[in-house]
Amino acid sequence: MKMDSMFVRSRRRVAVLGILVVAASLAACGDVPTAEIEAAHAAVEAARVAGAADYTPEAMAALDELSSQVTAELAAQDEKMPILRSYGRATELADSLEALAMSTTEQVATAREEVRVETEQLVADVRAALAEGEGLWTEAPRGKGTSVDLVALQGDLAGVRTVLTEAETALAEGRYVEARAKAQSALEATRGVNAAIRNAIEMQRRIG
């Protein structure tokens, strides 16, 4: 009888121990870190809206890569039996993603300002180049036999002024990357026209 009682108590201890092990396992597994993931995704979206793809493309690529890692880790845990799932790594990745996204947003603000300043200078350079071209225009050789097609160059300059206006509009509206690209294009075109006129003037002087 005593042996039977001991056996029963032993079995109960094993059962209780088993429950405790399962409970501990479930506690260790935890739940999907929904709050952390939502915070990370919100931070990434904020960086994207701020213009990370345009102003800090490398940082944006890093965010996309880390976001993919979070997704992959969650998918890997989802494939496991519930008792075997562990979201510690997913939580760490989500926290890292949020921190990187917040840092990226700060970088975007700095980069935007740098591009704005650069673009303003480019616009000023285009205006200066156009003014120089107007001075050269008065010296450009005219008439048959000249080596410069003034009509074509006039068309080029008209196009430059259109692009410059577009650049100024984009700049005023805060679309700095677009404004910079247009201003750079306008500057290159204006310098090309000016160079053509200078060459024509020099050749005419040699002939004359």
C-alpha atoms as a PDB file:
ATOM      1  CA  MET A   1       0.000   0.000   0.000  1.00  0.00           C
ATOM      2  CA  LYS A   2       2.833   2.301   0.899  1.00  0.00           C
ATOM      3  CA  MET A   3       4.550   1.503  -2.363  1.00  0.00           C
ATOM      4  CA  ASP A   4       1.361   2.260  -4.288  1.00  0.00           C
ATOM      5  CA  SER A   5       1.030   5.613  -2.566  1.00  0.00           C
ATOM      6  CA  MET A   6       4.614   6.508  -3.384  1.00  0.00           C
ATOM      7  CA  PHE A   7       4.085   5.473  -6.987  1.00  0.00           C
ATOM      8  CA  VAL A   8       0.994   7.674  -7.267  1.00  0.00           C
ATOM      9  CA  ARG A   9       2.807  10.626  -5.721  1.00  0.00           C
ATOM     10  CA  SER A  10       5.696  10.070  -8.129  1.00  0.00           C
ATOM     11  CA  ARG A  11       3.392  10.033 -11.095  1.00  0.00           C
ATOM     12  CA  ARG A  12       1.762  13.233  -9.884  1.00  0.00           C
ATOM     13  CA  ARG A  13       5.160  14.899  -9.560  1.00  0.00           C
ATOM     14  CA  VAL A  14       6.007  13.878 -13.120  1.00  0.00           C
ATOM     15  CA  ALA A  15       2.681  15.212 -14.361  1.00  0.00           C
ATOM     16  CA  VAL A  16       3.117  18.511 -12.526  1.00  0.00           C
ATOM     17  CA  LEU A  17       6.671  18.767 -13.795  1.00  0.00           C
ATOM     18  CA  GLY A  18       5.442  18.161 -17.328  1.00  0.00           C
ATOM     19  CA  ILE A  19       2.871  20.943 -17.007  1.00  0.00           C
ATOM     20  CA  LEU A  20       5.489  23.301 -15.649  1.00  0.00           C
ATOM     21  CA  VAL A  21       7.834  22.494 -18.536  1.00  0.00           C
ATOM     22  CA  VAL A  22       5.076  23.135 -21.074  1.00  0.00           C
ATOM     23  CA  ALA A  23       4.082  26.329 -19.321  1.00  0.00           C
ATOM     24  CA  ALA A  24       7.676  27.485 -19.256  1.00  0.00           C
ATOM     25  CA  SER A  25       8.026  26.651 -22.921  1.00  0.00           C
ATOM     26  CA  LEU A  26       4.914  28.602 -23.801  1.00  0.00           C
ATOM     27  CA  ALA A  27       6.116  31.562 -21.771  1.00  0.00           C
ATOM     28  CA  ALA A  28       9.454  31.454 -23.528  1.00  0.00           C
ATOM     29  CA  CYS A  29       7.797  31.306 -26.916  1.00  0.00           C
ATOM     30  CA  GLY A  30       5.697  34.357 -26.216  1.00  0.00           C
ATOM     31  CA  ASP A  31       3.389  36.001 -28.703  1.00  0.00           C
ATOM     32  CA  VAL A  32       4.092  37.631 -32.027  1.00  0.00           C
ATOM     33  CA  PRO A  33       5.683  41.030 -31.249  1.00  0.00           C
ATOM     34  CA  THR A  34       2.845  42.903 -32.925  1.00  0.00           C
ATOM     35  CA  ALA A  35       3.506  46.228 -31.215  1.00  0.00           C
ATOM     36  CA  GLU A  36       7.188  46.221 -32.152  1.00  0.00           C
ATOM     37  CA  ILE A  37       6.463  45.228 -35.736  1.00  0.00           C
ATOM     38  CA  GLU A  38       3.786  47.888 -36.173  1.00  0.00           C
ATOM     39  CA  ALA A  39       6.100  50.536 -34.715  1.00  0.00           C
ATOM     40  CA  ALA A  40       8.879  49.457 -37.075  1.00  0.00           C
ATOM     41  CA  HIS A  41       6.628  49.507 -40.122  1.00  0.00           C
ATOM     42  CA  ALA A  42       5.289  52.940 -39.164  1.00  0.00           C
ATOM     43  CA  ALA A  43       8.838  54.269 -38.844  1.00  0.00           C
ATOM     44  CA  VAL A  44       9.787  52.819 -42.235  1.00  0.00           C
ATOM     45  CA  GLU A  45       6.734  54.403 -43.850  1.00  0.00           C
ATOM     46  CA  ALA A  46       7.632  57.744 -42.267  1.00  0.00           C
ATOM     47  CA  ALA A  47      11.120  57.517 -43.765  1.00  0.00           C
ATOM     48  CA  ARG A  48       9.667  56.614 -47.137  1.00  0.00           C
ATOM     49  CA  VAL A  49       7.200  59.512 -47.082  1.00  0.00           C
ATOM     50  CA  ALA A  50       9.998  61.878 -46.055  1.00  0.00           C
ATOM     51  CA  GLY A  51      11.776  60.968 -49.299  1.00  0.00           C
ATOM     52  CA  ALA A  52      14.345  58.372 -48.280  1.00  0.00           C
ATOM     53  CA  ALA A  53      14.254  56.727 -51.704  1.00  0.00           C
ATOM     54  CA  ASP A  54      15.281  60.014 -53.344  1.00  0.00           C
ATOM     55  CA  TYR A  55      17.598  61.566 -50.782  1.00  0.00           C
ATOM     56  CA  THR A  56      19.129  58.555 -48.995  1.00  0.00           C
ATOM     57  CA  PRO A  57      18.710  55.628 -51.435  1.00  0.00           C
ATOM     58  CA  GLU A  58      21.329  53.458 -49.742  1.00  0.00           C
ATOM     59  CA  ALA A  59      19.643  53.844 -46.365  1.00  0.00           C
ATOM     60  CA  MET A  60      16.269  53.081 -47.954  1.00  0.00           C
ATOM     61  CA  ALA A  61      17.713  49.920 -49.486  1.00  0.00           C
ATOM     62  CA  ALA A  62      19.009  48.903 -46.053  1.00  0.00           C
ATOM     63  CA  LEU A  63      15.546  49.442 -44.593  1.00  0.00           C
ATOM     64  CA  ASP A  64      13.967  47.273 -47.268  1.00  0.00           C
ATOM     65  CA  GLU A  65      16.526  44.534 -46.619  1.00  0.00           C
ATOM     66  CA  LEU A  66      16.010  44.582 -42.857  1.00  0.00           C
ATOM     67  CA  SER A  67      12.246  44.655 -43.320  1.00  0.00           C
ATOM     68  CA  SER A  68      12.539  41.542 -45.461  1.00  0.00           C
ATOM     69  CA  GLN A  69      14.504  39.860 -42.682  1.00  0.00           C
ATOM     70  CA  VAL A  70      11.716  40.598 -40.207  1.00  0.00           C
ATOM     71  CA  THR A  71       9.164  39.110 -42.588  1.00  0.00           C
ATOM     72  CA  ALA A  72      11.312  36.038 -43.202  1.00  0.00           C
ATOM     73  CA  GLU A  73      11.840  35.463 -39.468  1.00  0.00           C
ATOM     74  CA  LEU A  74       8.124  35.679 -38.766  1.00  0.00           C
ATOM     75  CA  ALA A  75       7.412  33.275 -41.616  1.00  0.00           C
ATOM     76  CA  ALA A  76      10.026  30.838 -40.277  1.00  0.00           C
ATOM     77  CA  GLN A  77       8.413  30.822 -36.839  1.00  0.00           C
ATOM     78  CA  ASP A  78       4.954  30.454 -38.315  1.00  0.00           C
ATOM     79  CA  GLU A  79       6.019  27.188 -39.947  1.00  0.00           C
ATOM     80  CA  LYS A  80       6.915  25.683 -36.565  1.00  0.00           C
ATOM     81  CA  MET A  81       4.600  24.026 -34.085  1.00  0.00           C
ATOM     82  CA  PRO A  82       3.154  26.625 -31.696  1.00  0.00           C
ATOM     83  CA  ILE A  83       5.073  25.209 -28.733  1.00  0.00           C
ATOM     84  CA  LEU A  84       8.359  25.564 -30.620  1.00  0.00           C
ATOM     85  CA  ARG A  85       7.878  29.127 -31.817  1.00  0.00           C
ATOM     86  CA  SER A  86      10.138  31.824 -30.447  1.00  0.00           C
ATOM     87  CA  TYR A  87       9.895  35.480 -31.378  1.00  0.00           C
ATOM     88  CA  GLY A  88      12.966  36.835 -29.662  1.00  0.00           C
ATOM     89  CA  ARG A  89      14.874  37.216 -32.916  1.00  0.00           C
ATOM     90  CA  ALA A  90      11.876  38.811 -34.629  1.00  0.00           C
ATOM     91  CA  THR A  91      11.573  41.319 -31.799  1.00  0.00           C
ATOM     92  CA  GLU A  92      15.261  42.215 -32.059  1.00  0.00           C
ATOM     93  CA  LEU A  93      14.985  42.678 -35.812  1.00  0.00           C
ATOM     94  CA  ALA A  94      11.854  44.811 -35.469  1.00  0.00           C
ATOM     95  CA  ASP A  95      13.538  47.037 -32.887  1.00  0.00           C
ATOM     96  CA  SER A  96      16.580  47.413 -35.137  1.00  0.00           C
ATOM     97  CA  LEU A  97      14.342  48.242 -38.075  1.00  0.00           C
ATOM     98  CA  GLU A  98      12.553  50.953 -36.146  1.00  0.00           C
ATOM     99  CA  ALA A  99      15.829  52.501 -34.972  1.00  0.00           C
ATOM    100  CA  LEU A 100      17.285  52.452 -38.485  1.00  0.00           C
ATOM    101  CA  ALA A 101      14.130  53.974 -39.938  1.00  0.00           C
ATOM    102  CA  MET A 102      14.148  56.812 -37.421  1.00  0.00           C
ATOM    103  CA  SER A 103      17.814  57.469 -38.146  1.00  0.00           C
ATOM    104  CA  THR A 104      17.092  57.446 -41.876  1.00  0.00           C
ATOM    105  CA  THR A 105      14.350  60.031 -41.473  1.00  0.00           C
ATOM    106  CA  GLU A 106      16.859  62.313 -39.768  1.00  0.00           C
ATOM    107  CA  GLN A 107      19.346  61.724 -42.582  1.00  0.00           C
ATOM    108  CA  VAL A 108      16.695  62.624 -45.142  1.00  0.00           C
ATOM    109  CA  ALA A 109      16.152  66.006 -43.514  1.00  0.00           C
ATOM    110  CA  THR A 110      19.866  66.763 -43.759  1.00  0.00           C
ATOM    111  CA  ALA A 111      20.138  65.493 -47.320  1.00  0.00           C
ATOM    112  CA  ARG A 112      17.102  67.502 -48.452  1.00  0.00           C
ATOM    113  CA  GLU A 113      18.675  70.693 -47.176  1.00  0.00           C
ATOM    114  CA  GLU A 114      21.952  69.897 -48.930  1.00  0.00           C
ATOM    115  CA  VAL A 115      20.169  69.251 -52.226  1.00  0.00           C
ATOM    116  CA  ARG A 116      18.136  72.440 -51.826  1.00  0.00           C
ATOM    117  CA  VAL A 117      21.262  74.543 -51.376  1.00  0.00           C
ATOM    118  CA  GLU A 118      22.991  72.792 -54.283  1.00  0.00           C
ATOM    119  CA  THR A 119      19.988  73.333 -56.533  1.00  0.00           C
ATOM    120  CA  GLU A 120      19.722  77.015 -55.695  1.00  0.00           C
ATOM    121  CA  GLN A 121      23.349  77.406 -56.731  1.00  0.00           C
ATOM    122  CA  LEU A 122      22.727  75.498 -59.959  1.00  0.00           C
ATOM    123  CA  VAL A 123      19.795  77.755 -60.815  1.00  0.00           C
ATOM    124  CA  ALA A 124      21.978  80.794 -60.192  1.00  0.00           C
ATOM    125  CA  ASP A 125      24.674  79.276 -62.431  1.00  0.00           C
ATOM    126  CA  VAL A 126      22.151  78.750 -65.228  1.00  0.00           C
ATOM    127  CA  ARG A 127      21.028  82.361 -65.021  1.00  0.00           C
ATOM    128  CA  ALA A 128      24.636  83.518 -65.125  1.00  0.00           C
ATOM    129  CA  ALA A 129      25.351  81.277 -68.112  1.00  0.00           C
ATOM    130  CA  LEU A 130      22.317  82.638 -69.932  1.00  0.00           C
ATOM    131  CA  ALA A 131      23.472  86.192 -69.252  1.00  0.00           C
ATOM    132  CA  GLU A 132      26.904  85.291 -70.613  1.00  0.00           C
ATOM    133  CA  GLY A 133      25.242  83.809 -73.685  1.00  0.00           C
ATOM    134  CA  GLU A 134      23.342  87.008 -74.324  1.00  0.00           C
ATOM    135  CA  GLY A 135      26.635  88.887 -74.371  1.00  0.00           C
ATOM    136  CA  LEU A 136      28.192  86.375 -76.736  1.00  0.00           C
ATOM    137  CA  TRP A 137      25.119  86.519 -78.943  1.00  0.00           C
ATOM    138  CA  THR A 138      25.881  90.106 -79.934  1.00  0.00           C
ATOM    139  CA  GLU A 139      29.278  88.985 -81.225  1.00  0.00           C
ATOM    140  CA  ALA A 140      28.065  85.865 -83.027  1.00  0.00           C
ATOM    141  CA  PRO A 141      28.881  85.855 -86.766  1.00  0.00           C
ATOM    142  CA  ARG A 142      25.861  86.204 -89.005  1.00  0.00           C
ATOM    143  CA  GLY A 143      25.122  85.654 -92.643  1.00  0.00           C
ATOM    144  CA  LYS A 144      25.995  82.976 -95.160  1.00  0.00           C
ATOM    145  CA  GLY A 145      29.146  81.046 -94.624  1.00  0.00           C
ATOM    146  CA  THR A 146      29.129  81.364 -90.887  1.00  0.00           C
ATOM    147  CA  SER A 147      29.954  78.245 -88.908  1.00  0.00           C
ATOM    148  CA  VAL A 148      27.178  78.564 -86.367  1.00  0.00           C
ATOM    149  CA  ASP A 149      23.479  77.925 -86.867  1.00  0.00           C
ATOM    150  CA  LEU A 150      21.945  80.778 -84.922  1.00  0.00           C
ATOM    151  CA  VAL A 151      18.401  79.591 -85.486  1.00  0.00           C
ATOM    152  CA  ALA A 152      19.198  76.204 -83.975  1.00  0.00           C
ATOM    153  CA  LEU A 153      20.989  77.805 -81.031  1.00  0.00           C
ATOM    154  CA  GLN A 154      18.060  80.116 -80.431  1.00  0.00           C
ATOM    155  CA  GLY A 155      15.858  77.035 -80.232  1.00  0.00           C
ATOM    156  CA  ASP A 156      18.279  75.459 -77.769  1.00  0.00           C
ATOM    157  CA  LEU A 157      18.214  78.534 -75.541  1.00  0.00           C
ATOM    158  CA  ALA A 158      14.424  78.657 -75.643  1.00  0.00           C
ATOM    159  CA  GLY A 159      14.411  75.068 -74.434  1.00  0.00           C
ATOM    160  CA  VAL A 160      16.853  75.964 -71.676  1.00  0.00           C
ATOM    161  CA  ARG A 161      14.603  78.746 -70.422  1.00  0.00           C
ATOM    162  CA  THR A 162      11.672  76.342 -70.323  1.00  0.00           C
ATOM    163  CA  VAL A 163      13.635  73.786 -68.346  1.00  0.00           C
ATOM    164  CA  LEU A 164      14.922  76.500 -66.021  1.00  0.00           C
ATOM    165  CA  THR A 165      11.362  77.597 -65.290  1.00  0.00           C
ATOM    166  CA  GLU A 166      10.436  73.997 -64.519  1.00  0.00           C
ATOM    167  CA  ALA A 167      13.440  73.698 -62.213  1.00  0.00           C
ATOM    168  CA  GLU A 168      12.470  76.859 -60.358  1.00  0.00           C
ATOM    169  CA  THR A 169       8.911  75.622 -59.952  1.00  0.00           C
ATOM    170  CA  ALA A 170      10.069  72.267 -58.603  1.00  0.00           C
ATOM    171  CA  LEU A 171      12.462  74.041 -56.247  1.00  0.00           C
ATOM    172  CA  ALA A 172       9.710  76.290 -54.901  1.00  0.00           C
ATOM    173  CA  GLU A 173       7.473  73.252 -54.336  1.00  0.00           C
ATOM    174  CA  GLY A 174      10.149  71.344 -52.427  1.00  0.00           C
ATOM    175  CA  ARG A 175      10.815  68.765 -55.130  1.00  0.00           C
ATOM    176  CA  TYR A 176      14.534  69.270 -54.790  1.00  0.00           C
ATOM    177  CA  VAL A 177      15.839  66.147 -56.527  1.00  0.00           C
ATOM    178  CA  GLU A 178      13.734  66.869 -59.602  1.00  0.00           C
ATOM    179  CA  ALA A 179      14.708  70.533 -59.522  1.00  0.00           C
ATOM    180  CA  ARG A 180      18.396  69.639 -59.306  1.00  0.00           C
ATOM    181  CA  ALA A 181      18.194  67.321 -62.299  1.00  0.00           C
ATOM    182  CA  LYS A 182      16.454  69.957 -64.415  1.00  0.00           C
ATOM    183  CA  ALA A 183      18.865  72.694 -63.351  1.00  0.00           C
ATOM    184  CA  GLN A 184      21.863  70.498 -64.179  1.00  0.00           C
ATOM    185  CA  SER A 185      20.397  69.754 -67.604  1.00  0.00           C
ATOM    186  CA  ALA A 186      19.743  73.429 -68.267  1.00  0.00           C
ATOM    187  CA  LEU A 187      23.260  74.390 -67.196  1.00  0.00           C
ATOM    188  CA  GLU A 188      24.904  71.807 -69.450  1.00  0.00           C
ATOM    189  CA  ALA A 189      22.787  72.895 -72.409  1.00  0.00           C
ATOM    190  CA  THR A 190      23.533  76.588 -71.844  1.00  0.00           C
ATOM    191  CA  ARG A 191      27.244  75.982 -71.565  1.00  0.00           C
ATOM    192  CA  GLY A 192      27.093  73.973 -74.774  1.00  0.00           C
ATOM    193  CA  VAL A 193      25.408  76.839 -76.639  1.00  0.00           C
ATOM    194  CA  ASN A 194      27.876  79.348 -75.252  1.00  0.00           C
ATOM    195  CA  ALA A 195      30.808  77.169 -76.267  1.00  0.00           C
ATOM    196  CA  ALA A 196      29.428  76.879 -79.814  1.00  0.00           C
ATOM    197  CA  ILE A 197      29.066  80.642 -80.092  1.00  0.00           C
ATOM    198  CA  ARG A 198      32.566  81.256 -78.735  1.00  0.00           C
ATOM    199  CA  ASN A 199      34.031  78.789 -81.231  1.00  0.00           C
ATOM    200  CA  ALA A 200      32.194  80.465 -84.081  1.00  0.00           C
ATOM    201  CA  ILE A 201      33.409  83.891 -82.987  1.00  0.00           C
ATOM    202  CA  GLU A 202      36.997  82.659 -82.774  1.00  0.00           C
ATOM    203  CA  MET A 203      36.857  81.019 -86.218  1.00  0.00           C
ATOM    204  CA  GLN A 204      35.396  84.187 -87.736  1.00  0.00           C
ATOM    205  CA  ARG A 205      38.217  86.220 -86.259  1.00  0.00           C
ATOM    206  CA  ARG A 206      40.780  83.891 -87.771  1.00  0.00           C
ATOM    207  CA  ILE A 207      39.156  84.091 -91.176  1.00  0.00           C
ATOM    208  CA  GLY A 208      38.763  87.830 -90.964  1.00  0.00           C
END
